Structure formats: structure tokens, C-alpha cells
Amino acid sequence: MIQDFLKEIPGRYRGPGGAIAVLRKGEVVGKQVWGYSNLEEHRLMDEKTPMPICSITKQMLCLIIEDVRRNPTPKMLSTDRTFDEQMDAGLREIVSKEIIENTGLTLEHLCNNQSGIRDYWAMSMFWGTQPEGRFTLEHDAKKALSLTTSLQFEPGTQYSYCNLNFHILARVLENVTGLPLATHLSERLFAPARMQNARLWEDNARVSEWCVGYEGNEIFGFLPAKNLVEWSGDAGVLASLNDMIAYEQYLDRSWEDEQSIYRAIARVPYFKDGTIAMYGNGLARTKVGDIDIIGHGGSLRGYCLHRLQVPSERLAIVVMLNHEIDAETIAMDIVSNLLTTSQTTPDLAHRPPADWNRLGTFFDPDAQLSFTVRGDEPGTVIVQYADHEEKVFLSTAASGSTATLFLVLEGDTIEMHRIDDNRTIHARRIRAPQGIIRGDYTGRYECKEQESVFICDGTGEMLYGSFEGFLGKGPLHLMRYLGEDIWILVCPRGLDAPAPGNWTLVFHRDDAGAITGVTMGCWLARNVHFTKC
């Protein structure tokens, strides 16, 4: 029984509180609500407790854009221009005209996270943010947009998750239609879907009035997460379990109509080269065995959620947590329990070659990023390139794959094809440091494009990095030397969660051997150049 399985979830994924619902053919077949929405005040979690649904907001924004395409506002009808013409003109008012003219950036690239724009939550570190810093829509988001003057790749060729894409989409929608996003969501989605208590709540600082989000774990304790960020388009919707059940029922009804708005945004997306993309319009595509799944999660500091749909089974699952355990893992655990799937059993006969266990780090020269590969249990290795570890099953002693990547080891090089990113990476092993580290990395560096200053301080192998920008003077971050003038700057806590994580810092020298600058990047924001002052 599904309800018996759901009753085990709270004890297996321990935290302050949560809520889960499972639906088949639009009917609730399992539901579990547990714990507390506020540990300090002993306030229980219930089906009506609203919490931020985080990036699930993105697909709702895309639903609204498609609805506006079909049902324009009076302001839009007052002009002879088509929907696409008006939206394109709106995009040019917000994003640098030079970027659009030089790269062909479109709204579709934004909707599919193929724009090449760097994520502004990662970039906020360069602007001097503190983890609990304030970030406003009126001033800070506008400033971030003004500093978006270059891209990290050609639009349409690759995938990179970017919250700023959806912030831009929301601003374009509001300007073109003459109505705020909150009105569109209320009238075009929440009302028809019967999401009675859902709303756009842009100021995350006040969410704790209904539900407190918590950082930490059972070992170190749970502390209320302080979040002073304002969201709109990329996040911002507040909803309860009852609201999300109504949303899933609305989507289930919509799926039956091939001409529905939901079917339109759930269509298969593509890259410029014709390759199928795994992400489009705020929806990610994956599989359990041979069964297709559509869905998306979301996380802010203190909260983690996931919703998914299995169209072939008319199955939907919603997981909502006011702590930071991975909600997608829980959702997929439930799916695996409910569905009988044809799984391909990996051949674990191959062990990593002897040097897999000491491979250390590799360097991707195109993205200027480092990543680690290490030996794991027999037949597997662990790759950490993006924001999480990926277990790769070896098909030979020097090659292997997951559902989303293939890799081949040849001596000191690795070729890795990342399906989701639509990238083939040719990386080389970073040579281990020899002897004493030359101590000329310290000093001040400037990135005029981002109006940012990087300060490197310390001695020997113990260096620290910090940033100054329009958000203030940020904290010191520990740096770790990899070799070949390549360092890691560790950022476990950024302006929001999940934080950017490790940044790769590649220092440059002139012909005389003096440090002249550094290129920085992480998975969400690559190739940012600083010059030594």
C-alpha cells in the first residue's frame, strides 16, 4: 500500500517537517504530512501550510506566457504587432541590444535555459554579497541585469541552469502586457486550477510568518534559515500541499487535451544542432527505467521541493520540505516503489584501473573548470563536475556511463560527453604541485565588466579570497591549490541555497612569470576574467 510506504518517509529523511501527496488519474491515493512548520513556536505542519515552491514557479511562468500568447491583454491588442514581435521588443528593452544582435538570443533560449547568461545567484558572490544579504527587485536585480553584457556560450548550443533567465521573462511579460505577474498568476492559473491559497510572494524574508525554513541536520542541529532575497519569475510562488494537489489535478486534466497550454510547454525541446534537450519551459525530462518523467524541483535556503508527473501512468507526486534534504530523491524513491520498470543491470565486472583511485582533478580548458574523478566501489567511479556527484558505471576498464554522461579515460586525459549540457569535454589531468608554491598570487584583481574586485590574501598554501561590489564587501573564502596555477575557492554558503560551491580560479602569468590576472568560474557562471591591479 502506498500509504504504508509514505508513513516511512519522515523517519528515513529526518527533518523539521514535510508534506507529500501521490495522485493517480487526478485522485489522491496517498498523503503524508508530518512535523512542524516552526520548531521554536511548536507550530504543526498541515495541508494548508504555505511554503515557497521555489523554482517550480518557473514552469508556472511559462504556462502564463503561453496563455498570454493565446489570450492577449487589452494593451497587447491595441497594437498591430504580433505576440512574438511584442515580446521580442520587450526583451530588447531589458537585455543588452548588443548581446541580442550579436548572438541571436531569443525568449525561447531563456525558457529552455540555453541563453548562455550567467546565473545571478552565483554571480552575486562577485558583487560582495553576504550569505544573509538583502537582494531587492527594485535595485539589485536591475543592477545585475545591467552587468549582463556577455554570455558564457552561444545561445541554443548548450544548457546551463540560470535563474536570471526567468527573472527576465517575468519582466518582459509585465512590460508587454501592462499587468504584474501576480495578477497573471492569480487570474490565469490559480483561479482555474482552484489553488485557493497560492499567491506570488516576492519577499522571501516574510515567508517565515507561515513556515520557517531550516538549515542544518540532525547531527549539528536545525537553525532557522535567514533569507532576505526578493524573487519574481524565477521563484516567488507560495503554496500549500492542498494548492499543489489542485495544481497536479489541473495538469492531469490538461494533459488529456493535446491542444492545452500545458501540452504546449511540455513539448520536446531541442538544441540548435537538433539534439533533444532534457529541459524546457521550466520542466526537466528524465526516466525511471524506460518510463518517461516530466517534472522539476526547487530549493531556497531552508526549503526543498519536487514535483513530477509520469504521463503514461497518469501518476503525479509532490514532495515539500522545510529543510534541505533532497526532495527529488524522495520523489524518485516513491516512483520506484510504485512502478515496475525495466532496469538495465550494470556490468560491474570491470574495476577501475589502478590509477583511478589517485586521479585527483582534471581541467576543462573550454569552460575553465576543474572537476574530480575518483575510484568508488568495484565497477564504478565518482565524477563531480556540476553541483552534485555522479556515479559512473564502467563498461570497460577505462570507460563508463550514466543516464546523462559518457566518459573515456586515456592516460592523462578524459573525454566526457554530458548529455544534459549538450557538451563534449576534453579534459586533462592537473599535474600535482611540486615544491614550494610561488607566493605571488596575493593582491587585488578587478573585473570591470562586473564592477567587481577580488582580494587574495594569505601565505603559501593557505590563501583566502573575498569580493567587493555593489552588494558590499563579502566574506573571506578558503582557497585550495590544485597545481599549475589553478586553485579552488570554496563557497559553501552563497546568497541563497544551493550555493555555487567550488569555483575554479586559473591564474595567468606574463612572459616574465609575473601573475597578471585570473579567470574564475563555476558550473553556473563560467569564464569571468579579473586583471591584477
Protein backbone atom coordinates (compact mmCIF):
# COMPACT_ATOMS: atom_id res chain seq x y z
CA MET A 1 0.00 0.00 0.00
CA ILE A 2 1.31 3.41 -0.95
CA GLN A 3 0.12 4.96 2.32
CA ASP A 4 2.18 2.47 4.34
CA PHE A 5 5.26 3.41 2.28
CA LEU A 6 4.63 7.14 2.78
CA LYS A 7 4.44 6.67 6.55
CA GLU A 8 8.07 5.52 6.49
CA ILE A 9 9.33 8.68 4.74
CA PRO A 10 9.58 11.01 7.79
CA GLY A 11 11.82 8.56 9.66
CA ARG A 12 14.01 7.85 6.63
CA TYR A 13 14.51 11.51 5.65
CA ARG A 14 14.62 13.21 9.01
CA GLY A 15 14.00 16.92 9.41
CA PRO A 16 11.64 19.52 10.93
CA GLY A 17 8.63 18.82 8.72
CA GLY A 18 7.20 18.00 5.33
CA ALA A 19 4.21 17.12 3.19
CA ILE A 20 3.77 14.57 0.40
CA ALA A 21 0.92 13.71 -1.95
CA VAL A 22 0.59 10.98 -4.57
CA LEU A 23 -2.10 11.20 -7.25
CA ARG A 24 -3.33 8.75 -9.90
CA LYS A 25 -5.67 9.91 -12.63
CA GLY A 26 -6.15 13.15 -10.72
CA GLU A 27 -7.20 11.48 -7.48
CA VAL A 28 -5.19 11.50 -4.26
CA VAL A 29 -4.15 7.93 -3.46
CA GLY A 30 -1.64 8.73 -0.73
CA LYS A 31 -0.81 11.64 1.51
CA GLN A 32 1.55 12.22 4.41
CA VAL A 33 2.05 15.41 6.44
CA TRP A 34 4.39 15.46 9.42
CA GLY A 35 6.45 17.55 11.77
CA TYR A 36 6.47 21.27 12.40
CA SER A 37 6.36 24.43 10.34
CA ASN A 38 8.01 26.25 13.25
CA LEU A 39 10.11 24.34 15.76
CA GLU A 40 10.58 27.33 18.07
CA GLU A 41 6.85 28.01 18.41
CA HIS A 42 5.81 24.31 18.28
CA ARG A 43 3.60 25.07 15.26
CA LEU A 44 2.50 21.93 13.40
CA MET A 45 2.81 21.43 9.65
CA ASP A 46 -0.53 20.78 7.94
CA GLU A 47 -2.06 20.52 4.46
CA LYS A 48 -2.80 24.26 4.41
CA THR A 49 0.68 25.41 5.45
CA PRO A 50 2.11 27.58 2.66
CA MET A 51 5.79 27.47 1.80
CA PRO A 52 7.85 28.74 -1.13
CA ILE A 53 7.71 26.33 -4.07
CA CYS A 54 10.95 27.89 -5.33
CA SER A 55 11.88 27.02 -8.93
CA ILE A 56 8.60 25.24 -9.59
CA THR A 57 7.50 28.84 -10.15
CA LYS A 58 9.38 28.75 -13.48
CA GLN A 59 7.01 26.32 -15.18
CA MET A 60 4.05 28.34 -13.93
CA LEU A 61 5.54 31.45 -15.54
CA CYS A 62 5.91 29.54 -18.82
CA LEU A 63 2.26 28.46 -18.58
CA ILE A 64 1.28 32.11 -18.20
CA ILE A 65 3.38 33.18 -21.20
CA GLU A 66 1.70 30.56 -23.39
CA ASP A 67 -1.73 31.61 -22.13
CA VAL A 68 -0.94 35.26 -22.93
CA ARG A 69 0.11 34.17 -26.43
CA ARG A 70 -3.37 32.74 -26.93
CA ASN A 71 -5.27 35.35 -24.92
CA PRO A 72 -3.54 38.76 -25.21
CA THR A 73 -4.26 41.61 -22.81
CA PRO A 74 -6.02 44.84 -23.91
CA LYS A 75 -2.66 46.61 -24.08
CA MET A 76 -1.34 43.99 -26.47
CA LEU A 77 -4.46 44.17 -28.65
CA SER A 78 -4.03 47.92 -29.01
CA THR A 79 -1.08 47.41 -31.36
CA ASP A 80 -0.79 45.72 -34.76
CA ARG A 81 2.31 43.78 -33.75
CA THR A 82 2.14 40.04 -33.15
CA PHE A 83 2.78 38.40 -29.79
CA ASP A 84 6.30 37.39 -30.84
CA GLU A 85 7.09 40.87 -32.13
CA GLN A 86 5.92 42.48 -28.90
CA MET A 87 7.81 40.05 -26.69
CA ASP A 88 10.98 40.37 -28.76
CA ALA A 89 10.77 44.15 -28.48
CA GLY A 90 10.26 43.77 -24.73
CA LEU A 91 13.37 41.61 -24.48
CA ARG A 92 15.43 44.29 -26.25
CA GLU A 93 14.33 46.82 -23.64
CA ILE A 94 15.78 44.70 -20.82
CA VAL A 95 18.77 42.79 -22.19
CA SER A 96 21.73 44.44 -23.89
CA LYS A 97 20.88 45.08 -27.56
CA GLU A 98 24.45 44.15 -28.45
CA ILE A 99 24.00 40.69 -26.96
CA ILE A 100 20.78 40.09 -28.88
CA GLU A 101 22.15 41.40 -32.17
CA ASN A 102 25.48 39.60 -31.88
CA THR A 103 24.22 36.25 -30.60
CA GLY A 104 20.58 35.87 -31.71
CA LEU A 105 19.36 35.46 -28.13
CA THR A 106 15.61 34.72 -28.02
CA LEU A 107 12.89 34.21 -25.44
CA GLU A 108 12.90 30.50 -26.23
CA HIS A 109 16.56 30.31 -25.21
CA LEU A 110 15.60 31.83 -21.86
CA CYS A 111 12.69 29.42 -21.34
CA ASN A 112 14.94 26.43 -22.04
CA ASN A 113 17.99 27.59 -20.03
CA GLN A 114 20.01 27.75 -23.26
CA SER A 115 20.68 31.50 -23.17
CA GLY A 116 24.33 31.46 -22.11
CA ILE A 117 23.54 34.08 -19.45
CA ARG A 118 25.38 33.52 -16.18
CA ASP A 119 23.23 32.76 -13.14
CA TYR A 120 22.92 35.85 -10.97
CA TRP A 121 22.78 33.93 -7.69
CA ALA A 122 26.23 32.56 -8.46
CA MET A 123 27.44 35.95 -9.73
CA SER A 124 26.24 37.66 -6.55
CA MET A 125 29.40 36.45 -4.86
CA PHE A 126 31.44 38.70 -7.16
CA TRP A 127 29.23 41.63 -6.13
CA GLY A 128 30.21 41.30 -2.48
CA THR A 129 27.16 39.61 -1.03
CA GLN A 130 26.94 38.10 2.43
CA PRO A 131 25.05 34.77 2.72
CA GLU A 132 22.26 36.57 4.64
CA GLY A 133 22.45 39.69 2.48
CA ARG A 134 19.49 41.66 1.19
CA PHE A 135 18.69 41.48 -2.54
CA THR A 136 15.87 43.62 -3.91
CA LEU A 137 13.98 43.54 -7.18
CA GLU A 138 13.82 47.31 -7.47
CA HIS A 139 17.54 47.99 -7.20
CA ASP A 140 19.73 44.89 -7.05
CA ALA A 141 18.05 42.80 -9.75
CA LYS A 142 18.12 45.77 -12.11
CA LYS A 143 21.80 46.28 -11.40
CA ALA A 144 22.51 42.61 -12.05
CA LEU A 145 20.77 42.93 -15.41
CA SER A 146 22.83 45.98 -16.32
CA LEU A 147 26.01 43.96 -15.70
CA THR A 148 24.89 41.19 -18.06
CA THR A 149 26.94 42.29 -21.05
CA SER A 150 28.49 39.00 -22.20
CA LEU A 151 27.49 35.34 -22.43
CA GLN A 152 29.29 32.15 -21.41
CA PHE A 153 28.31 30.29 -24.63
CA GLU A 154 26.38 30.79 -27.86
CA PRO A 155 22.62 30.70 -27.21
CA GLY A 156 20.94 27.45 -28.18
CA THR A 157 24.11 25.37 -28.21
CA GLN A 158 24.33 24.32 -24.55
CA TYR A 159 22.32 24.08 -21.34
CA SER A 160 23.17 25.90 -18.12
CA TYR A 161 20.69 26.47 -15.32
CA CYS A 162 20.07 30.19 -14.86
CA ASN A 163 17.56 31.88 -12.58
CA LEU A 164 18.13 35.21 -14.30
CA ASN A 165 16.54 33.79 -17.47
CA PHE A 166 13.17 33.59 -15.75
CA HIS A 167 13.51 36.89 -13.95
CA ILE A 168 13.97 38.47 -17.40
CA LEU A 169 10.96 36.60 -18.80
CA ALA A 170 8.75 37.90 -15.99
CA ARG A 171 9.87 41.50 -16.53
CA VAL A 172 9.26 41.23 -20.29
CA LEU A 173 5.81 39.75 -19.69
CA GLU A 174 4.85 42.54 -17.30
CA ASN A 175 6.08 45.31 -19.59
CA VAL A 176 4.39 43.92 -22.69
CA THR A 177 1.05 43.04 -21.09
CA GLY A 178 0.79 46.03 -18.77
CA LEU A 179 -0.09 43.76 -15.83
CA PRO A 180 2.01 42.45 -12.92
CA LEU A 181 2.98 38.80 -12.79
CA ALA A 182 0.94 38.35 -9.58
CA THR A 183 -2.26 39.30 -11.46
CA HIS A 184 -1.49 36.91 -14.30
CA LEU A 185 -0.82 34.02 -11.92
CA SER A 186 -3.95 34.70 -9.89
CA GLU A 187 -6.32 35.04 -12.85
CA ARG A 188 -4.81 32.67 -15.40
CA LEU A 189 -3.57 29.80 -13.18
CA PHE A 190 -4.50 29.87 -9.50
CA ALA A 191 -8.21 30.56 -10.10
CA PRO A 192 -8.82 27.99 -12.90
CA ALA A 193 -6.69 25.40 -11.10
CA ARG A 194 -8.55 26.07 -7.81
CA MET A 195 -5.31 26.78 -5.96
CA GLN A 196 -7.21 28.68 -3.28
CA ASN A 197 -4.32 29.93 -1.14
CA ALA A 198 -1.48 30.15 -3.68
CA ARG A 199 0.00 33.58 -4.33
CA LEU A 200 3.10 35.32 -5.61
CA TRP A 201 5.08 36.37 -2.55
CA GLU A 202 8.21 38.11 -3.76
CA ASP A 203 9.79 38.91 -0.39
CA ASN A 204 11.30 35.73 0.99
CA ALA A 205 12.13 37.45 4.28
CA ARG A 206 8.45 37.23 5.31
CA VAL A 207 7.79 33.60 4.41
CA SER A 208 8.59 32.52 7.96
CA GLU A 209 5.27 34.06 9.04
CA TRP A 210 3.72 30.83 7.74
CA CYS A 211 6.52 28.29 7.56
CA VAL A 212 10.12 28.54 8.76
CA GLY A 213 12.81 27.01 6.56
CA TYR A 214 15.72 25.33 8.34
CA GLU A 215 19.41 24.83 7.62
CA GLY A 216 21.44 22.06 9.20
CA ASN A 217 20.86 18.44 10.06
CA GLU A 218 20.11 16.17 12.98
CA ILE A 219 23.77 15.93 13.99
CA PHE A 220 24.60 19.66 14.01
CA GLY A 221 21.09 20.86 14.73
CA PHE A 222 18.49 22.77 12.71
CA LEU A 223 18.64 26.56 12.66
CA PRO A 224 16.10 28.94 11.09
CA ALA A 225 17.41 29.93 7.67
CA LYS A 226 17.70 33.66 7.14
CA ASN A 227 16.82 34.65 3.59
CA LEU A 228 16.40 38.31 2.59
CA VAL A 229 16.05 37.76 -1.16
CA GLU A 230 13.20 39.04 -3.32
CA TRP A 231 12.11 36.79 -6.19
CA SER A 232 9.85 37.14 -9.20
CA GLY A 233 9.60 34.76 -12.14
CA ASP A 234 12.48 32.52 -11.16
CA ALA A 235 10.83 31.82 -7.79
CA GLY A 236 8.30 33.59 -5.60
CA VAL A 237 5.14 31.47 -5.59
CA LEU A 238 3.89 30.43 -2.17
CA ALA A 239 1.63 27.36 -2.00
CA SER A 240 0.38 24.67 0.40
CA LEU A 241 0.11 20.93 -0.17
CA ASN A 242 -3.59 21.40 -0.94
CA ASP A 243 -2.66 24.00 -3.56
CA MET A 244 -0.12 21.68 -5.17
CA ILE A 245 -2.63 18.84 -5.22
CA ALA A 246 -5.00 21.15 -7.09
CA TYR A 247 -2.17 22.08 -9.45
CA GLU A 248 -1.45 18.43 -10.25
CA GLN A 249 -5.14 17.81 -10.87
CA TYR A 250 -5.23 20.79 -13.21
CA LEU A 251 -2.19 19.49 -15.12
CA ASP A 252 -3.69 15.99 -15.30
CA ARG A 253 -6.86 17.38 -16.88
CA SER A 254 -4.77 19.49 -19.24
CA TRP A 255 -2.68 16.51 -20.36
CA GLU A 256 -5.75 14.85 -21.78
CA ASP A 257 -6.17 17.79 -24.18
CA GLU A 258 -3.42 17.79 -26.81
CA GLN A 259 -4.16 21.47 -27.55
CA SER A 260 -3.84 22.56 -23.93
CA ILE A 261 -1.39 25.15 -22.66
CA TYR A 262 0.37 22.54 -20.56
CA ARG A 263 0.88 20.24 -23.56
CA ALA A 264 2.35 23.23 -25.40
CA ILE A 265 5.02 23.96 -22.78
CA ALA A 266 5.73 20.25 -22.21
CA ARG A 267 6.64 19.66 -25.86
CA VAL A 268 10.08 18.17 -26.51
CA PRO A 269 12.75 20.94 -26.62
CA TYR A 270 15.80 20.93 -28.87
CA PHE A 271 19.24 22.46 -29.09
CA LYS A 272 20.38 24.44 -32.12
CA ASP A 273 22.07 21.37 -33.61
CA GLY A 274 18.83 19.38 -33.50
CA THR A 275 19.72 17.36 -30.40
CA ILE A 276 16.87 16.74 -27.97
CA ALA A 277 17.23 18.80 -24.79
CA MET A 278 16.30 17.49 -21.36
CA TYR A 279 14.97 20.84 -20.13
CA GLY A 280 12.40 23.24 -21.49
CA ASN A 281 9.87 25.77 -20.18
CA GLY A 282 10.71 25.07 -16.55
CA LEU A 283 10.28 21.32 -16.95
CA ALA A 284 13.02 18.70 -16.76
CA ARG A 285 12.77 15.34 -18.52
CA THR A 286 14.17 12.12 -17.11
CA LYS A 287 13.39 8.42 -16.94
CA VAL A 288 12.87 5.66 -14.42
CA GLY A 289 13.87 2.58 -16.31
CA ASP A 290 12.14 3.02 -19.67
CA ILE A 291 9.35 5.25 -18.33
CA ASP A 292 9.36 8.97 -19.15
CA ILE A 293 9.03 11.51 -16.33
CA ILE A 294 8.37 15.26 -16.50
CA GLY A 295 8.91 17.49 -13.50
CA HIS A 296 11.07 19.91 -11.62
CA GLY A 297 12.25 20.72 -8.14
CA GLY A 298 13.15 23.81 -6.29
CA SER A 299 15.20 24.90 -3.32
CA LEU A 300 15.82 28.06 -1.39
CA ARG A 301 17.71 28.40 1.83
CA GLY A 302 15.76 26.22 4.26
CA TYR A 303 13.35 24.63 1.78
CA CYS A 304 13.47 21.82 -0.78
CA LEU A 305 10.59 20.64 -3.00
CA HIS A 306 9.96 18.45 -6.02
CA ARG A 307 7.02 17.63 -8.23
CA LEU A 308 6.94 15.10 -11.02
CA GLN A 309 4.49 13.57 -13.44
CA VAL A 310 4.53 10.18 -15.17
CA PRO A 311 2.20 10.86 -18.13
CA SER A 312 1.91 7.24 -19.28
CA GLU A 313 0.66 6.22 -15.82
CA ARG A 314 -1.26 9.43 -15.04
CA LEU A 315 0.79 9.48 -11.86
CA ALA A 316 1.92 12.62 -10.02
CA ILE A 317 3.99 13.13 -6.87
CA VAL A 318 4.58 16.26 -4.77
CA VAL A 319 7.22 16.48 -2.02
CA MET A 320 7.51 19.64 0.12
CA LEU A 321 10.12 20.02 2.90
CA ASN A 322 11.03 22.93 5.18
CA HIS A 323 14.62 21.67 5.37
CA GLU A 324 17.30 20.88 2.81
CA ILE A 325 17.22 17.11 2.30
CA ASP A 326 16.94 16.41 -1.45
CA ALA A 327 13.21 16.21 -2.21
CA GLU A 328 13.88 14.73 -5.66
CA THR A 329 15.45 11.67 -4.04
CA ILE A 330 12.25 11.13 -2.04
CA ALA A 331 10.04 11.62 -5.11
CA MET A 332 12.08 9.14 -7.15
CA ASP A 333 12.05 6.71 -4.23
CA ILE A 334 8.25 6.82 -4.29
CA VAL A 335 8.15 6.37 -8.08
CA SER A 336 10.41 3.33 -7.89
CA ASN A 337 8.16 1.85 -5.22
CA LEU A 338 5.04 2.35 -7.34
CA LEU A 339 6.22 1.37 -10.81
CA THR A 340 7.55 -1.85 -12.24
CA THR A 341 10.26 -0.73 -14.63
CA SER A 342 12.71 -2.47 -16.89
CA GLN A 343 16.09 -1.62 -15.43
CA THR A 344 19.36 -2.40 -17.18
CA THR A 345 21.66 -4.04 -14.67
CA PRO A 346 25.14 -2.51 -14.96
CA ASP A 347 28.03 -4.86 -15.66
CA LEU A 348 30.15 -4.47 -12.53
CA ALA A 349 32.84 -6.91 -13.63
CA HIS A 350 35.18 -4.07 -14.58
CA ARG A 351 37.20 -2.45 -11.85
CA PRO A 352 38.78 0.97 -12.23
CA PRO A 353 42.41 0.75 -13.37
CA ALA A 354 44.93 1.14 -10.57
CA ASP A 355 45.40 4.87 -11.09
CA TRP A 356 41.68 5.78 -10.98
CA ASN A 357 41.92 5.98 -7.21
CA ARG A 358 44.64 8.66 -7.45
CA LEU A 359 43.48 10.58 -10.50
CA GLY A 360 42.70 13.65 -8.47
CA THR A 361 41.44 16.57 -10.55
CA PHE A 362 41.02 17.30 -14.24
CA PHE A 363 40.79 20.60 -16.08
CA ASP A 364 38.25 21.52 -18.77
CA PRO A 365 40.04 24.25 -20.77
CA ASP A 366 36.92 25.35 -22.67
CA ALA A 367 34.82 26.17 -19.61
CA GLN A 368 37.94 26.79 -17.46
CA LEU A 369 36.55 24.46 -14.80
CA SER A 370 38.18 21.76 -12.71
CA PHE A 371 36.44 18.54 -11.70
CA THR A 372 37.29 15.42 -9.75
CA VAL A 373 37.23 11.75 -10.65
CA ARG A 374 37.84 9.14 -8.00
CA GLY A 375 37.52 5.41 -7.66
CA ASP A 376 34.47 4.03 -5.90
CA GLU A 377 33.18 0.51 -5.34
CA PRO A 378 34.12 -2.14 -7.92
CA GLY A 379 32.80 -1.25 -11.34
CA THR A 380 32.11 2.41 -10.60
CA VAL A 381 33.81 5.78 -10.32
CA ILE A 382 32.51 9.09 -8.97
CA VAL A 383 32.61 12.25 -11.11
CA GLN A 384 31.90 15.68 -9.63
CA TYR A 385 31.66 18.23 -12.42
CA ALA A 386 28.39 20.06 -11.82
CA ASP A 387 26.72 20.67 -8.46
CA HIS A 388 26.47 17.04 -7.40
CA GLU A 389 28.33 13.74 -7.52
CA GLU A 390 27.55 11.34 -10.38
CA LYS A 391 28.22 7.61 -10.10
CA VAL A 392 29.53 6.23 -13.39
CA PHE A 393 29.24 2.51 -14.18
CA LEU A 394 32.23 1.16 -16.07
CA SER A 395 31.60 -0.82 -19.23
CA THR A 396 35.35 -1.34 -19.75
CA ALA A 397 38.35 -0.73 -17.54
CA ALA A 398 38.64 2.83 -18.85
CA SER A 399 35.17 3.90 -19.99
CA GLY A 400 31.73 4.19 -18.49
CA SER A 401 28.41 5.99 -18.45
CA THR A 402 25.35 7.12 -16.56
CA ALA A 403 21.95 8.03 -17.98
CA THR A 404 23.29 11.53 -18.67
CA LEU A 405 27.02 11.22 -19.42
CA PHE A 406 29.66 9.09 -21.13
CA LEU A 407 33.36 9.20 -20.33
CA VAL A 408 36.57 7.63 -21.62
CA LEU A 409 39.92 7.71 -19.83
CA GLU A 410 43.07 7.73 -21.94
CA GLY A 411 46.21 8.20 -19.87
CA ASP A 412 46.14 11.74 -18.52
CA THR A 413 43.07 12.82 -20.48
CA ILE A 414 39.34 12.29 -20.14
CA GLU A 415 36.72 12.77 -22.81
CA MET A 416 33.32 13.30 -21.24
CA HIS A 417 30.04 13.85 -23.10
CA ARG A 418 27.40 15.49 -20.91
CA ILE A 419 24.01 14.86 -22.48
CA ASP A 420 22.03 17.40 -20.44
CA ASP A 421 24.57 20.16 -21.13
CA ASN A 422 24.99 19.17 -24.80
CA ARG A 423 28.76 19.37 -24.35
CA THR A 424 31.70 17.12 -25.10
CA ILE A 425 34.57 17.93 -22.75
CA HIS A 426 38.21 17.17 -23.49
CA ALA A 427 39.95 17.47 -20.14
CA ARG A 428 43.46 16.79 -18.91
CA ARG A 429 44.69 15.76 -15.52
CA ILE A 430 46.12 18.63 -13.46
CA ARG A 431 49.72 17.92 -12.54
CA ALA A 432 50.23 17.69 -8.79
CA PRO A 433 52.14 20.62 -7.28
CA GLN A 434 55.88 20.23 -6.96
CA GLY A 435 57.92 22.04 -4.33
CA ILE A 436 57.08 25.38 -2.75
CA ILE A 437 54.11 27.36 -4.09
CA ARG A 438 55.21 30.69 -5.54
CA GLY A 439 53.65 33.33 -3.35
CA ASP A 440 52.71 35.99 -5.88
CA TYR A 441 49.00 35.18 -6.12
CA THR A 442 48.06 37.64 -3.39
CA GLY A 443 46.84 41.11 -4.24
CA ARG A 444 43.86 42.93 -5.79
CA TYR A 445 42.21 41.98 -9.06
CA GLU A 446 39.50 43.87 -10.95
CA CYS A 447 36.73 42.78 -13.31
CA LYS A 448 35.46 45.97 -14.95
CA GLU A 449 32.59 44.16 -16.70
CA GLN A 450 31.13 43.03 -13.38
CA GLU A 451 32.30 46.07 -11.38
CA SER A 452 33.92 43.60 -9.00
CA VAL A 453 37.18 43.50 -7.06
CA PHE A 454 38.77 40.24 -5.92
CA ILE A 455 41.20 40.36 -2.99
CA CYS A 456 43.54 37.40 -2.49
CA ASP A 457 45.34 37.23 0.86
CA GLY A 458 47.34 34.73 2.88
CA THR A 459 50.63 32.83 2.59
CA GLY A 460 51.82 29.62 0.97
CA GLU A 461 49.06 27.07 0.54
CA MET A 462 46.71 28.90 2.93
CA LEU A 463 45.12 31.61 0.81
CA TYR A 464 41.79 33.40 1.22
CA GLY A 465 39.67 35.19 -1.34
CA SER A 466 36.97 37.85 -0.96
CA PHE A 467 35.00 40.16 -3.24
CA GLU A 468 33.74 43.73 -3.25
CA GLY A 469 30.94 45.01 -5.46
CA PHE A 470 27.58 46.79 -5.48
CA LEU A 471 26.20 44.44 -2.80
CA GLY A 472 29.01 45.29 -0.37
CA LYS A 473 32.10 43.56 0.96
CA GLY A 474 31.76 39.79 1.04
CA PRO A 475 33.22 37.28 3.49
CA LEU A 476 36.56 35.54 3.11
CA HIS A 477 36.51 32.18 1.34
CA LEU A 478 39.16 29.49 1.75
CA MET A 479 41.26 28.63 -1.31
CA ARG A 480 42.96 25.30 -2.08
CA TYR A 481 45.82 24.76 -4.53
CA LEU A 482 45.40 22.11 -7.25
CA GLY A 483 48.58 22.74 -9.26
CA GLU A 484 49.57 24.56 -12.48
CA ASP A 485 48.41 27.96 -11.14
CA ILE A 486 44.91 26.51 -10.67
CA TRP A 487 43.12 26.95 -7.35
CA ILE A 488 39.72 26.15 -5.87
CA LEU A 489 37.81 28.82 -3.97
CA VAL A 490 35.24 27.16 -1.74
CA CYS A 491 31.82 28.82 -1.36
CA PRO A 492 29.54 26.51 0.67
CA ARG A 493 27.17 29.37 1.59
CA GLY A 494 26.17 31.93 -1.02
CA LEU A 495 23.32 34.42 -1.16
CA ASP A 496 20.90 31.53 -1.42
CA ALA A 497 20.84 27.74 -1.41
CA PRO A 498 22.17 25.81 -3.14
CA ALA A 499 25.34 27.87 -3.02
CA PRO A 500 27.69 27.99 -6.03
CA GLY A 501 30.06 25.51 -4.36
CA ASN A 502 33.65 25.32 -5.63
CA TRP A 503 34.92 27.99 -8.01
CA THR A 504 37.90 27.25 -10.24
CA LEU A 505 40.49 30.04 -10.27
CA VAL A 506 43.00 29.91 -13.13
CA PHE A 507 45.81 32.44 -12.66
CA HIS A 508 47.67 33.84 -15.67
CA ARG A 509 51.32 34.90 -15.95
CA ASP A 510 53.18 37.11 -18.40
CA ASP A 511 56.36 36.09 -20.24
CA ALA A 512 58.41 37.13 -17.22
CA GLY A 513 56.40 34.82 -14.95
CA ALA A 514 54.51 37.50 -13.05
CA ILE A 515 50.81 36.98 -12.25
CA THR A 516 48.68 39.28 -14.44
CA GLY A 517 45.14 38.07 -13.83
CA VAL A 518 42.77 35.24 -13.01
CA THR A 519 39.82 33.57 -14.73
CA MET A 520 37.06 32.34 -12.41
CA GLY A 521 34.08 30.10 -12.94
CA CYS A 522 31.66 27.53 -11.59
CA TRP A 523 29.12 25.35 -13.37
CA LEU A 524 26.51 28.16 -13.39
CA ALA A 525 28.84 31.06 -14.22
CA ARG A 526 31.95 30.48 -16.32
CA ASN A 527 34.86 32.46 -17.71
CA VAL A 528 34.78 35.64 -15.64
CA HIS A 529 38.08 37.50 -16.10
CA PHE A 530 39.88 39.62 -13.48
CA THR A 531 43.04 41.69 -14.09
CA LYS A 532 45.62 42.19 -11.36
CA CYS A 533 45.74 45.81 -10.21
